[in-house]
C-alpha atoms as a PDB file:
ATOM      1  CA  MET A   1      -3.631  14.765   1.007  1.00  0.00           C
ATOM      2  CA  ARG A   2      -7.017  13.177   0.444  1.00  0.00           C
ATOM      3  CA  LEU A   3      -8.165   9.602   0.785  1.00  0.00           C
ATOM      4  CA  LYS A   4     -11.206   7.870  -0.635  1.00  0.00           C
ATOM      5  CA  GLU A   5     -11.851   4.380   0.702  1.00  0.00           C
ATOM      6  CA  SER A   6     -13.869   1.814  -1.196  1.00  0.00           C
ATOM      7  CA  HIS A   7     -14.546  -1.917  -0.852  1.00  0.00           C
ATOM      8  CA  GLU A   8     -14.894  -4.354  -3.741  1.00  0.00           C
ATOM      9  CA  ASN A   9     -15.297  -8.110  -3.245  1.00  0.00           C
ATOM     10  CA  GLY A  10     -13.279  -8.238  -0.028  1.00  0.00           C
ATOM     11  CA  VAL A  11     -10.582  -5.865  -1.255  1.00  0.00           C
ATOM     12  CA  VAL A  12     -10.159  -2.452   0.349  1.00  0.00           C
ATOM     13  CA  ILE A  13      -8.965   0.314  -1.951  1.00  0.00           C
ATOM     14  CA  PHE A  14      -7.390   3.509  -0.669  1.00  0.00           C
ATOM     15  CA  ALA A  15      -7.385   6.081  -3.480  1.00  0.00           C
ATOM     16  CA  LEU A  16      -4.943   8.768  -2.378  1.00  0.00           C
ATOM     17  CA  SER A  17      -4.381  12.177  -3.909  1.00  0.00           C
ATOM     18  CA  GLY A  18      -2.004  15.049  -3.279  1.00  0.00           C
ATOM     19  CA  ALA A  19       1.274  14.622  -1.423  1.00  0.00           C
ATOM     20  CA  ILE A  20       2.254  11.895   1.023  1.00  0.00           C
ATOM     21  CA  ASP A  21       4.727  13.643   3.274  1.00  0.00           C
ATOM     22  CA  LEU A  22       5.693  14.133   6.906  1.00  0.00           C
ATOM     23  CA  HIS A  23       2.528  16.134   7.548  1.00  0.00           C
ATOM     24  CA  TYR A  24       0.253  13.315   6.393  1.00  0.00           C
ATOM     25  CA  THR A  25       2.021  10.106   7.325  1.00  0.00           C
ATOM     26  CA  ALA A  26       0.718  10.048  10.918  1.00  0.00           C
ATOM     27  CA  THR A  27      -2.822  10.066   9.530  1.00  0.00           C
ATOM     28  CA  LEU A  28      -1.972   7.412   6.947  1.00  0.00           C
ATOM     29  CA  ARG A  29      -0.328   5.229   9.615  1.00  0.00           C
ATOM     30  CA  SER A  30      -3.480   5.543  11.725  1.00  0.00           C
ATOM     31  CA  LEU A  31      -5.640   4.464   8.778  1.00  0.00           C
ATOM     32  CA  PHE A  32      -3.328   1.536   8.093  1.00  0.00           C
ATOM     33  CA  GLN A  33      -3.421   0.583  11.788  1.00  0.00           C
ATOM     34  CA  SER A  34      -7.216   0.411  11.671  1.00  0.00           C
ATOM     35  CA  LYS A  35      -6.947  -1.992   8.720  1.00  0.00           C
ATOM     36  CA  LEU A  36      -4.436  -4.104  10.656  1.00  0.00           C
ATOM     37  CA  ASN A  37      -6.786  -4.198  13.652  1.00  0.00           C
ATOM     38  CA  GLU A  38      -9.599  -5.340  11.335  1.00  0.00           C
ATOM     39  CA  ARG A  39      -7.277  -7.972   9.815  1.00  0.00           C
ATOM     40  CA  CYS A  40      -7.975  -6.574   6.372  1.00  0.00           C
ATOM     41  CA  PRO A  41      -7.401  -9.472   3.941  1.00  0.00           C
ATOM     42  CA  ALA A  42      -6.369  -7.309   0.955  1.00  0.00           C
ATOM     43  CA  LEU A  43      -5.529  -3.625   0.545  1.00  0.00           C
ATOM     44  CA  ILE A  44      -4.671  -1.768  -2.642  1.00  0.00           C
ATOM     45  CA  VAL A  45      -3.314   1.772  -2.492  1.00  0.00           C
ATOM     46  CA  ASP A  46      -4.101   3.708  -5.659  1.00  0.00           C
ATOM     47  CA  LEU A  47      -1.379   6.323  -6.149  1.00  0.00           C
ATOM     48  CA  SER A  48      -2.468   7.587  -9.564  1.00  0.00           C
ATOM     49  CA  ALA A  49      -3.399  11.020  -8.146  1.00  0.00           C
ATOM     50  CA  VAL A  50      -0.406  11.331  -5.780  1.00  0.00           C
ATOM     51  CA  ASP A  51       2.097  13.884  -7.029  1.00  0.00           C
ATOM     52  CA  PHE A  52       4.775  13.524  -4.335  1.00  0.00           C
ATOM     53  CA  ILE A  53       5.924  11.033  -1.702  1.00  0.00           C
ATOM     54  CA  ASP A  54       8.778  11.530   0.740  1.00  0.00           C
ATOM     55  CA  SER A  55      10.791   9.019   2.770  1.00  0.00           C
ATOM     56  CA  THR A  56       8.234   8.974   5.600  1.00  0.00           C
ATOM     57  CA  GLY A  57       5.521   8.054   3.106  1.00  0.00           C
ATOM     58  CA  LEU A  58       7.665   5.305   1.615  1.00  0.00           C
ATOM     59  CA  ALA A  59       8.398   3.945   5.092  1.00  0.00           C
ATOM     60  CA  THR A  60       4.687   3.957   5.963  1.00  0.00           C
ATOM     61  CA  LEU A  61       3.882   1.836   2.901  1.00  0.00           C
ATOM     62  CA  ILE A  62       6.640  -0.654   3.720  1.00  0.00           C
ATOM     63  CA  GLU A  63       5.574  -0.863   7.373  1.00  0.00           C
ATOM     64  CA  TYR A  64       1.990  -1.707   6.443  1.00  0.00           C
ATOM     65  CA  HIS A  65       3.155  -4.336   3.952  1.00  0.00           C
ATOM     66  CA  ARG A  66       5.312  -5.953   6.635  1.00  0.00           C
ATOM     67  CA  ASP A  67       2.682  -5.811   9.382  1.00  0.00           C
ATOM     68  CA  ALA A  68      -0.215  -7.012   7.205  1.00  0.00           C
ATOM     69  CA  GLY A  69       1.749 -10.147   6.404  1.00  0.00           C
ATOM     70  CA  TRP A  70       1.501 -11.289  10.014  1.00  0.00           C
ATOM     71  CA  HIS A  71      -2.195 -11.997   9.613  1.00  0.00           C
ATOM     72  CA  GLY A  72      -1.927 -13.141   5.998  1.00  0.00           C
ATOM     73  CA  GLY A  73      -3.049  -9.810   4.560  1.00  0.00           C
ATOM     74  CA  VAL A  74      -1.886  -8.843   1.092  1.00  0.00           C
ATOM     75  CA  PHE A  75      -0.901  -5.356   0.002  1.00  0.00           C
ATOM     76  CA  SER A  76      -0.275  -3.838  -3.386  1.00  0.00           C
ATOM     77  CA  LEU A  77       0.155  -0.482  -5.046  1.00  0.00           C
ATOM     78  CA  ALA A  78      -1.490   0.655  -8.247  1.00  0.00           C
ATOM     79  CA  GLY A  79      -1.317   3.592 -10.608  1.00  0.00           C
ATOM     80  CA  ILE A  80       2.258   4.721 -10.130  1.00  0.00           C
ATOM     81  CA  ASN A  81       2.261   7.928 -12.156  1.00  0.00           C
ATOM     82  CA  PRO A  82       5.374   9.419 -13.771  1.00  0.00           C
ATOM     83  CA  ASN A  83       5.917  11.772 -10.811  1.00  0.00           C
ATOM     84  CA  LEU A  84       6.409   8.794  -8.516  1.00  0.00           C
ATOM     85  CA  LYS A  85       7.980   6.304 -10.906  1.00  0.00           C
ATOM     86  CA  ALA A  86      11.446   7.838 -10.665  1.00  0.00           C
ATOM     87  CA  ILE A  87      11.335   7.711  -6.860  1.00  0.00           C
ATOM     88  CA  PHE A  88      10.065   4.130  -6.833  1.00  0.00           C
ATOM     89  CA  ASP A  89      12.729   3.100  -9.358  1.00  0.00           C
ATOM     90  CA  VAL A  90      15.521   4.560  -7.209  1.00  0.00           C
ATOM     91  CA  VAL A  91      14.372   2.727  -4.067  1.00  0.00           C
ATOM     92  CA  GLN A  92      13.506  -0.410  -6.086  1.00  0.00           C
ATOM     93  CA  PHE A  93      10.019  -0.718  -4.601  1.00  0.00           C
ATOM     94  CA  ASP A  94       9.082  -3.215  -7.296  1.00  0.00           C
ATOM     95  CA  LYS A  95      11.410  -5.732  -5.605  1.00  0.00           C
ATOM     96  CA  VAL A  96       9.565  -5.380  -2.293  1.00  0.00           C
ATOM     97  CA  LEU A  97       5.944  -4.574  -3.137  1.00  0.00           C
ATOM     98  CA  ALA A  98       3.453  -5.798  -5.701  1.00  0.00           C
ATOM     99  CA  ILE A  99       2.939  -2.853  -8.063  1.00  0.00           C
ATOM    100  CA  PHE A 100       0.369  -2.771 -10.870  1.00  0.00           C
ATOM    101  CA  PRO A 101      -0.463  -0.203 -13.556  1.00  0.00           C
ATOM    102  CA  THR A 102      -4.142  -0.071 -12.520  1.00  0.00           C
ATOM    103  CA  VAL A 103      -6.394  -0.948  -9.606  1.00  0.00           C
ATOM    104  CA  SER A 104      -8.233  -3.408 -11.868  1.00  0.00           C
ATOM    105  CA  GLU A 105      -5.008  -5.293 -12.582  1.00  0.00           C
ATOM    106  CA  ALA A 106      -4.137  -5.340  -8.873  1.00  0.00           C
ATOM    107  CA  LYS A 107      -7.587  -6.714  -7.976  1.00  0.00           C
ATOM    108  CA  ALA A 108      -7.291  -9.408 -10.648  1.00  0.00           C
ATOM    109  CA  ALA A 109      -3.849 -10.460  -9.387  1.00  0.00           C
ATOM    110  CA  ILE A 110      -5.123 -10.643  -5.803  1.00  0.00           C
ATOM    111  CA  LYS A 111      -8.105 -12.717  -6.918  1.00  0.00           C
ATOM    112  CA  ARG A 112      -5.742 -15.119  -8.741  1.00  0.00           C
ATOM    113  CA  GLY A 113      -3.545 -15.413  -5.623  1.00  0.00           C
ATOM    114  CA  GLN A 114      -0.584 -13.747  -7.311  1.00  0.00           C
ATOM    115  CA  VAL A 115       0.032 -11.262  -4.480  1.00  0.00           C
ATOM    116  CA  PRO A 116       1.416 -13.231  -1.539  1.00  0.00           C
ATOM    117  CA  PRO A 117       1.556 -11.800   1.984  1.00  0.00           C
ATOM    118  CA  TYR A 118       4.918 -10.657   3.251  1.00  0.00           C
ATOM    119  CA  ILE A 119       6.415 -13.097   5.761  1.00  0.00           C
ATOM    120  CA  ALA A 120       9.096 -11.785   8.117  1.00  0.00           C
ATOM    121  CA  ASP A 121      11.126 -13.690  10.695  1.00  0.00           C
ATOM    122  CA  GLU A 122       9.378 -12.151  13.720  1.00  0.00           C
ATOM    123  CA  PRO A 123       6.609  -9.641  14.437  1.00  0.00           C
ATOM    124  CA  ALA A 124       7.522  -5.960  14.500  1.00  0.00           C
ATOM    125  CA  ASN A 125       6.224  -5.536  18.064  1.00  0.00           C
ATOM    126  CA  SER A 126       8.064  -8.426  19.671  1.00  0.00           C
END
């Protein structure tokens, strides 16, 4: 698993490649936690070069989405390639997360305010 981080107009982009599995999720959670600590206003995860994601990877994405909402942060995914589409369709991620074909489309939607933060009933750490 590799990660390239970039920043564009207040939006952080994590471009991931390889596999997101049990061996990598602790690292990914740590990276997400640093963004939560910074109160990152908007994060896009580019999955176009990810060839596999397991249940721990899926859970890590959902956890960040939930936790970022507590400070008004928005989260979206971009570039779901055919290897991941079947998995995301089965778990119906499109009903939970904002998913866009490209990073550019995700950035545009965030800029237009079309990606709302997730609002839960109570914080995860309460």
